[in-house]
N, C-alpha and C. Protein backbone atom coordinates (compact mmCIF):
# COMPACT_ATOMS: atom_id res chain seq x y z
N UNK A 1 115.89 169.19 98.24
CA UNK A 1 115.86 168.10 99.20
C UNK A 1 114.93 167.00 98.68
N UNK A 2 115.38 165.79 98.76
CA UNK A 2 114.60 164.64 98.31
C UNK A 2 113.59 164.29 99.40
N UNK A 3 112.31 164.18 99.00
CA UNK A 3 111.28 163.96 100.01
C UNK A 3 111.00 162.48 100.27
N UNK A 4 111.18 161.62 99.30
CA UNK A 4 110.93 160.20 99.51
C UNK A 4 112.05 159.39 98.87
N UNK A 5 112.18 158.18 99.33
CA UNK A 5 113.19 157.27 98.77
C UNK A 5 112.87 157.00 97.31
N UNK A 6 111.61 156.84 96.99
CA UNK A 6 111.22 156.56 95.61
C UNK A 6 111.59 157.72 94.69
N UNK A 7 111.35 158.95 95.15
CA UNK A 7 111.71 160.12 94.36
C UNK A 7 113.21 160.17 94.14
N UNK A 8 113.95 159.90 95.20
CA UNK A 8 115.41 159.92 95.10
C UNK A 8 115.89 158.84 94.12
N UNK A 9 115.35 157.64 94.23
CA UNK A 9 115.73 156.55 93.34
C UNK A 9 115.40 156.89 91.89
N UNK A 10 114.24 157.48 91.67
CA UNK A 10 113.85 157.89 90.32
C UNK A 10 114.83 158.92 89.76
N UNK A 11 115.22 159.89 90.58
CA UNK A 11 116.15 160.91 90.12
C UNK A 11 117.51 160.31 89.79
N UNK A 12 118.00 159.39 90.62
CA UNK A 12 119.29 158.75 90.36
C UNK A 12 119.25 157.95 89.07
N UNK A 13 118.20 157.15 88.91
CA UNK A 13 118.09 156.32 87.71
C UNK A 13 117.94 157.18 86.45
N UNK A 14 117.13 158.22 86.53
CA UNK A 14 116.95 159.11 85.38
C UNK A 14 118.25 159.81 85.01
N UNK A 15 118.95 160.33 86.01
CA UNK A 15 120.23 161.00 85.74
C UNK A 15 121.23 160.05 85.11
N UNK A 16 121.28 158.84 85.64
CA UNK A 16 122.21 157.83 85.10
C UNK A 16 121.89 157.52 83.64
N UNK A 17 120.62 157.35 83.33
CA UNK A 17 120.22 157.05 81.95
C UNK A 17 120.52 158.22 81.02
N UNK A 18 120.21 159.44 81.47
CA UNK A 18 120.50 160.62 80.64
C UNK A 18 122.00 160.78 80.40
N UNK A 19 122.79 160.56 81.44
CA UNK A 19 124.25 160.64 81.28
C UNK A 19 124.75 159.58 80.30
N UNK A 20 124.18 158.39 80.36
CA UNK A 20 124.59 157.33 79.43
C UNK A 20 124.25 157.72 77.99
N UNK A 21 123.07 158.30 77.78
CA UNK A 21 122.69 158.73 76.44
C UNK A 21 123.62 159.83 75.92
N UNK A 22 123.94 160.80 76.78
CA UNK A 22 124.83 161.89 76.37
C UNK A 22 126.22 161.38 76.01
N UNK A 23 126.77 160.51 76.85
CA UNK A 23 128.13 160.03 76.60
C UNK A 23 128.20 159.13 75.37
N UNK A 24 127.14 158.35 75.14
CA UNK A 24 127.15 157.48 73.96
C UNK A 24 127.03 158.31 72.68
N UNK A 25 126.30 159.41 72.75
CA UNK A 25 126.18 160.27 71.57
C UNK A 25 127.53 160.91 71.24
N UNK A 26 128.30 161.25 72.26
CA UNK A 26 129.61 161.86 72.05
C UNK A 26 130.62 160.85 71.51
N UNK A 27 130.55 159.63 71.99
CA UNK A 27 131.56 158.63 71.62
C UNK A 27 131.13 157.75 70.46
N UNK A 28 129.91 157.90 70.01
CA UNK A 28 129.33 157.13 68.91
C UNK A 28 129.31 155.62 69.16
N UNK A 29 129.36 155.22 70.38
CA UNK A 29 129.16 153.82 70.71
C UNK A 29 128.19 153.75 71.88
N UNK A 30 127.45 152.69 71.98
CA UNK A 30 126.42 152.61 73.01
C UNK A 30 127.00 152.01 74.29
N UNK A 31 126.40 152.41 75.37
CA UNK A 31 126.79 151.91 76.68
C UNK A 31 126.13 150.56 76.90
N UNK A 32 126.80 149.70 77.58
CA UNK A 32 126.31 148.36 77.86
C UNK A 32 125.04 148.39 78.71
N UNK A 33 124.00 147.64 78.31
CA UNK A 33 122.80 147.56 79.16
C UNK A 33 123.12 146.99 80.54
N UNK A 34 124.15 146.16 80.63
CA UNK A 34 124.52 145.58 81.92
C UNK A 34 124.99 146.65 82.89
N UNK A 35 125.74 147.63 82.42
CA UNK A 35 126.22 148.68 83.31
C UNK A 35 125.08 149.57 83.79
N UNK A 36 124.10 149.80 82.94
CA UNK A 36 122.93 150.59 83.34
C UNK A 36 122.12 149.83 84.37
N UNK A 37 121.90 148.52 84.14
CA UNK A 37 121.18 147.70 85.12
C UNK A 37 121.92 147.68 86.45
N UNK A 38 123.23 147.60 86.39
CA UNK A 38 124.03 147.58 87.61
C UNK A 38 123.87 148.88 88.39
N UNK A 39 123.86 150.00 87.68
CA UNK A 39 123.70 151.30 88.35
C UNK A 39 122.33 151.42 89.00
N UNK A 40 121.30 150.96 88.31
CA UNK A 40 119.95 151.02 88.86
C UNK A 40 119.83 150.09 90.07
N UNK A 41 120.43 148.91 89.97
CA UNK A 41 120.42 147.98 91.10
C UNK A 41 121.11 148.57 92.31
N UNK A 42 122.24 149.22 92.09
CA UNK A 42 122.98 149.85 93.18
C UNK A 42 122.16 150.97 93.82
N UNK A 43 121.48 151.77 92.99
CA UNK A 43 120.64 152.84 93.53
C UNK A 43 119.48 152.26 94.34
N UNK A 44 118.90 151.16 93.88
CA UNK A 44 117.81 150.52 94.61
C UNK A 44 118.27 149.98 95.96
N UNK A 45 119.42 149.33 95.96
CA UNK A 45 119.96 148.80 97.22
C UNK A 45 120.25 149.93 98.20
N UNK A 46 120.79 151.02 97.69
CA UNK A 46 121.06 152.18 98.54
C UNK A 46 119.76 152.72 99.12
N UNK A 47 118.73 152.81 98.29
CA UNK A 47 117.43 153.30 98.76
C UNK A 47 116.85 152.36 99.83
N UNK A 48 117.01 151.05 99.64
CA UNK A 48 116.52 150.09 100.64
C UNK A 48 117.20 150.30 101.99
N UNK A 49 118.47 150.62 101.96
CA UNK A 49 119.20 150.80 103.21
C UNK A 49 118.71 152.00 104.01
N UNK A 50 118.04 152.94 103.34
CA UNK A 50 117.52 154.12 104.03
C UNK A 50 116.21 153.84 104.76
N UNK A 51 115.56 152.73 104.43
CA UNK A 51 114.29 152.39 105.08
C UNK A 51 114.53 151.77 106.45
N UNK A 52 113.57 151.94 107.37
CA UNK A 52 113.65 151.23 108.65
C UNK A 52 113.59 149.72 108.39
N UNK A 53 114.18 148.90 109.26
CA UNK A 53 114.27 147.45 109.03
C UNK A 53 112.93 146.77 108.73
N UNK A 54 111.89 147.11 109.46
CA UNK A 54 110.58 146.46 109.25
C UNK A 54 110.01 146.81 107.87
N UNK A 55 110.08 148.08 107.49
CA UNK A 55 109.58 148.49 106.18
C UNK A 55 110.41 147.85 105.07
N UNK A 56 111.71 147.76 105.28
CA UNK A 56 112.59 147.12 104.29
C UNK A 56 112.20 145.66 104.11
N UNK A 57 111.96 144.96 105.21
CA UNK A 57 111.60 143.54 105.14
C UNK A 57 110.27 143.35 104.41
N UNK A 58 109.28 144.17 104.74
CA UNK A 58 107.97 144.05 104.10
C UNK A 58 108.06 144.38 102.61
N UNK A 59 108.82 145.42 102.26
CA UNK A 59 108.96 145.79 100.85
C UNK A 59 109.61 144.67 100.04
N UNK A 60 110.62 144.05 100.59
CA UNK A 60 111.30 142.95 99.89
C UNK A 60 110.38 141.74 99.78
N UNK A 61 109.76 141.36 100.90
CA UNK A 61 108.92 140.17 100.90
C UNK A 61 107.67 140.31 100.03
N UNK A 62 106.96 141.43 100.17
CA UNK A 62 105.70 141.61 99.42
C UNK A 62 105.93 142.23 98.07
N UNK A 63 106.64 143.35 98.03
CA UNK A 63 106.77 144.10 96.80
C UNK A 63 107.68 143.49 95.77
N UNK A 64 108.68 142.74 96.20
CA UNK A 64 109.66 142.20 95.26
C UNK A 64 109.51 140.69 95.09
N UNK A 65 109.45 139.97 96.20
CA UNK A 65 109.35 138.51 96.12
C UNK A 65 107.91 138.01 95.95
N UNK A 66 106.93 138.89 96.16
CA UNK A 66 105.55 138.53 95.88
C UNK A 66 104.84 137.71 96.95
N UNK A 67 105.32 137.72 98.18
CA UNK A 67 104.62 137.02 99.25
C UNK A 67 103.28 137.69 99.50
N UNK A 68 102.30 136.95 99.99
CA UNK A 68 101.00 137.49 100.35
C UNK A 68 101.09 138.13 101.73
N UNK A 69 100.14 139.02 102.02
CA UNK A 69 100.15 139.74 103.30
C UNK A 69 100.12 138.77 104.48
N UNK A 70 99.35 137.69 104.37
CA UNK A 70 99.28 136.71 105.45
C UNK A 70 100.62 136.05 105.72
N UNK A 71 101.34 135.72 104.65
CA UNK A 71 102.66 135.10 104.81
C UNK A 71 103.64 136.06 105.47
N UNK A 72 103.61 137.31 105.04
CA UNK A 72 104.51 138.32 105.60
C UNK A 72 104.19 138.56 107.07
N UNK A 73 102.91 138.64 107.39
CA UNK A 73 102.54 138.88 108.78
C UNK A 73 102.98 137.73 109.69
N UNK A 74 102.92 136.49 109.18
CA UNK A 74 103.41 135.36 109.98
C UNK A 74 104.91 135.43 110.17
N UNK A 75 105.63 135.75 109.10
CA UNK A 75 107.09 135.83 109.20
C UNK A 75 107.54 136.92 110.17
N UNK A 76 106.81 138.05 110.17
CA UNK A 76 107.19 139.18 111.02
C UNK A 76 106.43 139.21 112.34
N UNK A 77 105.61 138.17 112.56
CA UNK A 77 104.84 138.05 113.80
C UNK A 77 104.02 139.31 114.07
N UNK A 78 103.19 139.67 113.07
CA UNK A 78 102.33 140.84 113.19
C UNK A 78 101.01 140.55 112.49
N UNK A 79 100.16 141.55 112.41
CA UNK A 79 98.88 141.39 111.71
C UNK A 79 99.05 141.72 110.23
N UNK A 80 98.08 141.27 109.43
CA UNK A 80 98.11 141.60 108.00
C UNK A 80 98.00 143.10 107.78
N UNK A 81 97.18 143.76 108.59
CA UNK A 81 97.00 145.20 108.48
C UNK A 81 98.32 145.93 108.74
N UNK A 82 99.06 145.45 109.72
CA UNK A 82 100.35 146.06 110.05
C UNK A 82 101.35 145.88 108.91
N UNK A 83 101.36 144.70 108.31
CA UNK A 83 102.26 144.45 107.19
C UNK A 83 101.90 145.31 105.98
N UNK A 84 100.60 145.43 105.71
CA UNK A 84 100.14 146.26 104.59
C UNK A 84 100.48 147.73 104.82
N UNK A 85 100.30 148.18 106.04
CA UNK A 85 100.62 149.56 106.39
C UNK A 85 102.11 149.83 106.23
N UNK A 86 102.94 148.90 106.68
CA UNK A 86 104.40 149.06 106.55
C UNK A 86 104.81 149.11 105.08
N UNK A 87 104.14 148.31 104.24
CA UNK A 87 104.43 148.32 102.80
C UNK A 87 104.07 149.67 102.20
N UNK A 88 102.92 150.21 102.56
CA UNK A 88 102.52 151.52 102.04
C UNK A 88 103.49 152.61 102.47
N UNK A 89 103.96 152.57 103.71
CA UNK A 89 104.93 153.56 104.18
C UNK A 89 106.26 153.40 103.45
N UNK A 90 106.65 152.16 103.18
CA UNK A 90 107.93 151.93 102.49
C UNK A 90 107.87 152.42 101.05
N UNK A 91 106.74 152.23 100.40
CA UNK A 91 106.61 152.66 99.00
C UNK A 91 106.44 154.16 98.88
N UNK A 92 105.92 154.81 99.88
CA UNK A 92 105.72 156.24 99.82
C UNK A 92 104.40 156.60 99.17
N UNK A 93 104.04 157.88 99.24
CA UNK A 93 102.72 158.31 98.75
C UNK A 93 102.57 158.28 97.24
N UNK A 94 103.65 158.33 96.48
CA UNK A 94 103.54 158.37 95.01
C UNK A 94 103.95 157.06 94.37
N UNK A 95 103.96 156.00 95.15
CA UNK A 95 104.47 154.71 94.65
C UNK A 95 103.55 154.10 93.60
N UNK A 96 104.18 153.39 92.69
CA UNK A 96 103.46 152.58 91.73
C UNK A 96 103.84 151.13 91.98
N UNK A 97 103.03 150.17 91.55
CA UNK A 97 103.36 148.77 91.79
C UNK A 97 104.69 148.39 91.15
N UNK A 98 105.41 147.52 91.82
CA UNK A 98 106.67 147.02 91.29
C UNK A 98 106.37 146.09 90.14
N UNK A 99 107.04 146.25 88.97
CA UNK A 99 106.76 145.37 87.85
C UNK A 99 107.09 143.92 88.17
N UNK A 100 106.40 143.01 87.51
CA UNK A 100 106.63 141.58 87.72
C UNK A 100 108.06 141.21 87.32
N UNK A 101 108.62 140.27 88.05
CA UNK A 101 109.96 139.80 87.73
C UNK A 101 109.94 138.94 86.49
N UNK A 102 111.05 138.95 85.76
CA UNK A 102 111.16 138.08 84.60
C UNK A 102 112.56 137.48 84.57
N UNK A 103 112.69 136.39 83.88
CA UNK A 103 114.00 135.77 83.70
C UNK A 103 114.61 135.30 85.00
N UNK A 104 115.87 135.71 85.23
CA UNK A 104 116.63 135.28 86.40
C UNK A 104 115.97 135.75 87.70
N UNK A 105 115.30 136.91 87.66
CA UNK A 105 114.64 137.42 88.85
C UNK A 105 113.55 136.49 89.34
N UNK A 106 112.82 135.89 88.43
CA UNK A 106 111.77 134.95 88.80
C UNK A 106 112.35 133.72 89.48
N UNK A 107 113.46 133.23 88.96
CA UNK A 107 114.10 132.05 89.57
C UNK A 107 114.58 132.38 90.98
N UNK A 108 115.14 133.57 91.16
CA UNK A 108 115.61 133.96 92.48
C UNK A 108 114.44 134.08 93.46
N UNK A 109 113.35 134.70 93.02
CA UNK A 109 112.17 134.84 93.87
C UNK A 109 111.61 133.47 94.25
N UNK A 110 111.57 132.55 93.28
CA UNK A 110 111.06 131.21 93.56
C UNK A 110 111.93 130.49 94.58
N UNK A 111 113.23 130.68 94.50
CA UNK A 111 114.15 130.05 95.44
C UNK A 111 113.88 130.53 96.86
N UNK A 112 113.57 131.82 97.03
CA UNK A 112 113.32 132.36 98.37
C UNK A 112 111.96 131.95 98.90
N UNK A 113 111.01 131.64 98.03
CA UNK A 113 109.67 131.25 98.46
C UNK A 113 109.64 129.84 99.00
N UNK A 114 110.61 128.98 98.67
CA UNK A 114 110.60 127.58 99.09
C UNK A 114 110.92 127.42 100.55
């Protein structure tokens, strides 16, 4: 049984990558990085859907788009402590920080911040 969304997402992504490596070794051609990114993106979206709406909103706003706690608390009409707590619950007990966005992700994040 999967105990956290993060653990489940990690298992899905790891299995997908291992399967890609096995199949490419058999066929002697490599799998497209785009298809692997697409699979990981789909697993992440699925994991987000399992979160309660408030935790999902805080995770997207703070953890992905990089909003500050004060901005998130204003948007959700709550306190900064409440927003921080919701982020911690959404990430789970074994969470690590989300890596910084690069390339197209940065442009998308900037568009949402305006």
